[in-house]
Amino acid sequence: MKKELIIFLVIFLILAIGQHPDFLTSPLERIVQLPQAGAYGLGAVHPLVFGLVGYLFVWIIRGVIIGFKKIFKRG
């Protein structure tokens, strides 16, 4: 559980900094503007939604890789 939370937080930060490079120079200003954010009508929860989508994408890729490893390990 702790490992998954760390993975989610890393994905969250990568997506946040990738989309908003000014987050590195003025993070408080970005956080204060969050309630007025309107990405796709999601408002202030859009960072969590996009972070969850990124996490699910990584989770699916990890599952496929683990599945392939199990298939080829048996043979």
N, C-alpha and C. Protein backbone atom coordinates (compact mmCIF):
# COMPACT_ATOMS: atom_id res chain seq x y z
N MET A 1 0.83 -1.19 0.00
CA MET A 1 0.00 0.00 0.00
C MET A 1 0.87 1.25 0.00
N LYS A 2 1.93 1.25 0.81
CA LYS A 2 2.82 2.39 0.88
C LYS A 2 3.53 2.61 -0.45
N LYS A 3 3.93 1.51 -1.09
CA LYS A 3 4.60 1.59 -2.38
C LYS A 3 3.67 2.20 -3.43
N GLU A 4 2.41 1.81 -3.42
CA GLU A 4 1.45 2.33 -4.39
C GLU A 4 1.18 3.82 -4.16
N LEU A 5 1.14 4.23 -2.92
CA LEU A 5 0.94 5.65 -2.60
C LEU A 5 2.12 6.48 -3.09
N ILE A 6 3.32 5.96 -2.92
CA ILE A 6 4.51 6.66 -3.41
C ILE A 6 4.48 6.75 -4.93
N ILE A 7 4.09 5.67 -5.59
CA ILE A 7 3.98 5.68 -7.06
C ILE A 7 2.96 6.73 -7.49
N PHE A 8 1.80 6.78 -6.83
CA PHE A 8 0.77 7.77 -7.17
C PHE A 8 1.29 9.19 -6.98
N LEU A 9 1.97 9.44 -5.87
CA LEU A 9 2.49 10.79 -5.61
C LEU A 9 3.55 11.20 -6.63
N VAL A 10 4.40 10.27 -7.03
CA VAL A 10 5.42 10.57 -8.05
C VAL A 10 4.73 10.90 -9.38
N ILE A 11 3.75 10.11 -9.77
CA ILE A 11 3.02 10.37 -11.01
C ILE A 11 2.31 11.72 -10.91
N PHE A 12 1.69 11.98 -9.78
CA PHE A 12 1.00 13.25 -9.54
C PHE A 12 1.95 14.43 -9.72
N LEU A 13 3.13 14.35 -9.11
CA LEU A 13 4.10 15.44 -9.21
C LEU A 13 4.65 15.59 -10.62
N ILE A 14 4.93 14.48 -11.29
CA ILE A 14 5.44 14.55 -12.66
C ILE A 14 4.41 15.21 -13.57
N LEU A 15 3.14 14.82 -13.44
CA LEU A 15 2.10 15.42 -14.26
C LEU A 15 1.91 16.90 -13.93
N ALA A 16 1.93 17.24 -12.65
CA ALA A 16 1.73 18.63 -12.24
C ALA A 16 2.86 19.52 -12.74
N ILE A 17 4.09 19.08 -12.57
CA ILE A 17 5.23 19.89 -12.99
C ILE A 17 5.35 19.90 -14.51
N GLY A 18 5.00 18.80 -15.15
CA GLY A 18 5.03 18.75 -16.62
C GLY A 18 4.03 19.69 -17.25
N GLN A 19 2.87 19.81 -16.65
CA GLN A 19 1.82 20.67 -17.20
C GLN A 19 1.99 22.12 -16.75
N HIS A 20 2.51 22.33 -15.56
CA HIS A 20 2.64 23.67 -14.99
C HIS A 20 4.08 23.87 -14.50
N PRO A 21 4.99 24.21 -15.41
CA PRO A 21 6.39 24.38 -15.00
C PRO A 21 6.58 25.50 -13.97
N ASP A 22 5.67 26.46 -13.93
CA ASP A 22 5.79 27.53 -12.95
C ASP A 22 5.55 27.03 -11.53
N PHE A 23 5.11 25.80 -11.39
CA PHE A 23 4.91 25.18 -10.08
C PHE A 23 6.23 25.10 -9.30
N LEU A 24 7.33 25.03 -10.04
CA LEU A 24 8.64 24.96 -9.39
C LEU A 24 9.08 26.33 -8.86
N THR A 25 8.69 27.40 -9.53
CA THR A 25 9.14 28.73 -9.12
C THR A 25 8.18 29.40 -8.14
N SER A 26 6.88 29.15 -8.30
CA SER A 26 5.90 29.79 -7.41
C SER A 26 4.77 28.82 -7.06
N PRO A 27 5.06 27.83 -6.25
CA PRO A 27 4.04 26.81 -5.94
C PRO A 27 2.84 27.37 -5.16
N LEU A 28 3.07 28.30 -4.24
CA LEU A 28 1.96 28.84 -3.46
C LEU A 28 0.98 29.61 -4.35
N GLU A 29 1.50 30.33 -5.31
CA GLU A 29 0.65 31.06 -6.24
C GLU A 29 -0.23 30.09 -7.03
N ARG A 30 0.34 28.99 -7.46
CA ARG A 30 -0.40 27.97 -8.23
C ARG A 30 -1.47 27.34 -7.35
N ILE A 31 -1.15 27.04 -6.10
CA ILE A 31 -2.11 26.42 -5.19
C ILE A 31 -3.26 27.37 -4.86
N VAL A 32 -2.95 28.65 -4.71
CA VAL A 32 -3.99 29.64 -4.42
C VAL A 32 -4.96 29.76 -5.59
N GLN A 33 -4.47 29.60 -6.82
CA GLN A 33 -5.32 29.68 -8.02
C GLN A 33 -6.14 28.42 -8.25
N LEU A 34 -5.88 27.37 -7.52
CA LEU A 34 -6.53 26.08 -7.74
C LEU A 34 -8.06 26.13 -7.66
N PRO A 35 -8.68 26.83 -6.72
CA PRO A 35 -10.15 26.85 -6.68
C PRO A 35 -10.80 27.44 -7.94
N GLN A 36 -10.09 28.29 -8.66
CA GLN A 36 -10.64 28.87 -9.88
C GLN A 36 -10.28 28.05 -11.12
N ALA A 37 -9.57 26.96 -10.94
CA ALA A 37 -9.15 26.14 -12.07
C ALA A 37 -10.37 25.51 -12.72
N GLY A 38 -10.31 25.34 -14.03
CA GLY A 38 -11.46 24.80 -14.73
C GLY A 38 -11.11 23.81 -15.81
N ALA A 39 -10.18 22.95 -15.58
CA ALA A 39 -9.76 21.98 -16.59
C ALA A 39 -10.88 20.97 -16.85
N TYR A 40 -11.44 21.04 -18.05
CA TYR A 40 -12.50 20.12 -18.48
C TYR A 40 -13.70 20.10 -17.54
N GLY A 41 -13.96 21.21 -16.89
CA GLY A 41 -15.10 21.31 -15.99
C GLY A 41 -14.92 20.58 -14.67
N LEU A 42 -13.72 20.16 -14.35
CA LEU A 42 -13.47 19.42 -13.12
C LEU A 42 -13.15 20.33 -11.94
N GLY A 43 -12.80 21.56 -12.22
CA GLY A 43 -12.52 22.50 -11.15
C GLY A 43 -11.28 22.13 -10.35
N ALA A 44 -11.37 22.31 -9.05
CA ALA A 44 -10.21 22.13 -8.18
C ALA A 44 -9.79 20.67 -8.02
N VAL A 45 -10.64 19.72 -8.38
CA VAL A 45 -10.26 18.31 -8.22
C VAL A 45 -9.52 17.76 -9.44
N HIS A 46 -9.33 18.60 -10.48
CA HIS A 46 -8.70 18.08 -11.69
C HIS A 46 -7.31 17.50 -11.48
N PRO A 47 -6.48 18.01 -10.56
CA PRO A 47 -5.17 17.36 -10.37
C PRO A 47 -5.31 15.92 -9.87
N LEU A 48 -6.26 15.68 -8.98
CA LEU A 48 -6.45 14.32 -8.47
C LEU A 48 -7.00 13.39 -9.55
N VAL A 49 -7.92 13.90 -10.37
CA VAL A 49 -8.50 13.07 -11.43
C VAL A 49 -7.42 12.71 -12.45
N PHE A 50 -6.63 13.69 -12.88
CA PHE A 50 -5.59 13.41 -13.85
C PHE A 50 -4.50 12.52 -13.25
N GLY A 51 -4.19 12.72 -11.98
CA GLY A 51 -3.22 11.85 -11.30
C GLY A 51 -3.73 10.41 -11.24
N LEU A 52 -5.02 10.25 -10.96
CA LEU A 52 -5.61 8.91 -10.92
C LEU A 52 -5.60 8.25 -12.29
N VAL A 53 -5.90 9.02 -13.33
CA VAL A 53 -5.85 8.47 -14.69
C VAL A 53 -4.43 8.04 -15.03
N GLY A 54 -3.45 8.86 -14.69
CA GLY A 54 -2.05 8.49 -14.92
C GLY A 54 -1.65 7.25 -14.14
N TYR A 55 -2.10 7.17 -12.89
CA TYR A 55 -1.79 6.00 -12.06
C TYR A 55 -2.43 4.73 -12.65
N LEU A 56 -3.68 4.83 -13.10
CA LEU A 56 -4.35 3.67 -13.69
C LEU A 56 -3.65 3.21 -14.96
N PHE A 57 -3.17 4.16 -15.75
CA PHE A 57 -2.43 3.81 -16.96
C PHE A 57 -1.16 3.03 -16.60
N VAL A 58 -0.41 3.52 -15.63
CA VAL A 58 0.81 2.83 -15.18
C VAL A 58 0.45 1.48 -14.58
N TRP A 59 -0.64 1.40 -13.82
CA TRP A 59 -1.08 0.15 -13.20
C TRP A 59 -1.40 -0.91 -14.26
N ILE A 60 -2.07 -0.50 -15.35
CA ILE A 60 -2.39 -1.42 -16.43
C ILE A 60 -1.12 -1.91 -17.12
N ILE A 61 -0.21 -1.00 -17.40
CA ILE A 61 1.07 -1.37 -18.04
C ILE A 61 1.84 -2.35 -17.17
N ARG A 62 1.89 -2.08 -15.85
CA ARG A 62 2.57 -2.99 -14.93
C ARG A 62 1.91 -4.36 -14.93
N GLY A 63 0.58 -4.39 -14.96
CA GLY A 63 -0.15 -5.66 -14.99
C GLY A 63 0.14 -6.47 -16.24
N VAL A 64 0.20 -5.80 -17.38
CA VAL A 64 0.50 -6.48 -18.64
C VAL A 64 1.92 -7.05 -18.61
N ILE A 65 2.87 -6.28 -18.11
CA ILE A 65 4.26 -6.75 -18.03
C ILE A 65 4.36 -7.96 -17.11
N ILE A 66 3.71 -7.89 -15.96
CA ILE A 66 3.73 -9.02 -15.02
C ILE A 66 3.07 -10.25 -15.65
N GLY A 67 1.98 -10.03 -16.38
CA GLY A 67 1.31 -11.14 -17.06
C GLY A 67 2.20 -11.81 -18.09
N PHE A 68 2.90 -11.00 -18.90
CA PHE A 68 3.82 -11.56 -19.88
C PHE A 68 4.96 -12.31 -19.21
N LYS A 69 5.46 -11.79 -18.10
CA LYS A 69 6.53 -12.48 -17.39
C LYS A 69 6.06 -13.84 -16.90
N LYS A 70 4.83 -13.92 -16.40
CA LYS A 70 4.29 -15.20 -15.93
C LYS A 70 4.11 -16.18 -17.06
N ILE A 71 3.65 -15.69 -18.22
CA ILE A 71 3.44 -16.57 -19.38
C ILE A 71 4.76 -17.16 -19.85
N PHE A 72 5.77 -16.31 -19.99
CA PHE A 72 7.05 -16.78 -20.51
C PHE A 72 7.88 -17.53 -19.48
N LYS A 73 7.60 -17.33 -18.21
CA LYS A 73 8.32 -18.04 -17.15
C LYS A 73 7.88 -19.50 -17.10
N ARG A 74 6.61 -19.77 -17.42
CA ARG A 74 6.09 -21.15 -17.40
C ARG A 74 6.68 -21.97 -18.53
N GLY A 75 6.90 -21.34 -19.67
CA GLY A 75 7.35 -22.06 -20.85
C GLY A 75 8.76 -22.34 -20.85
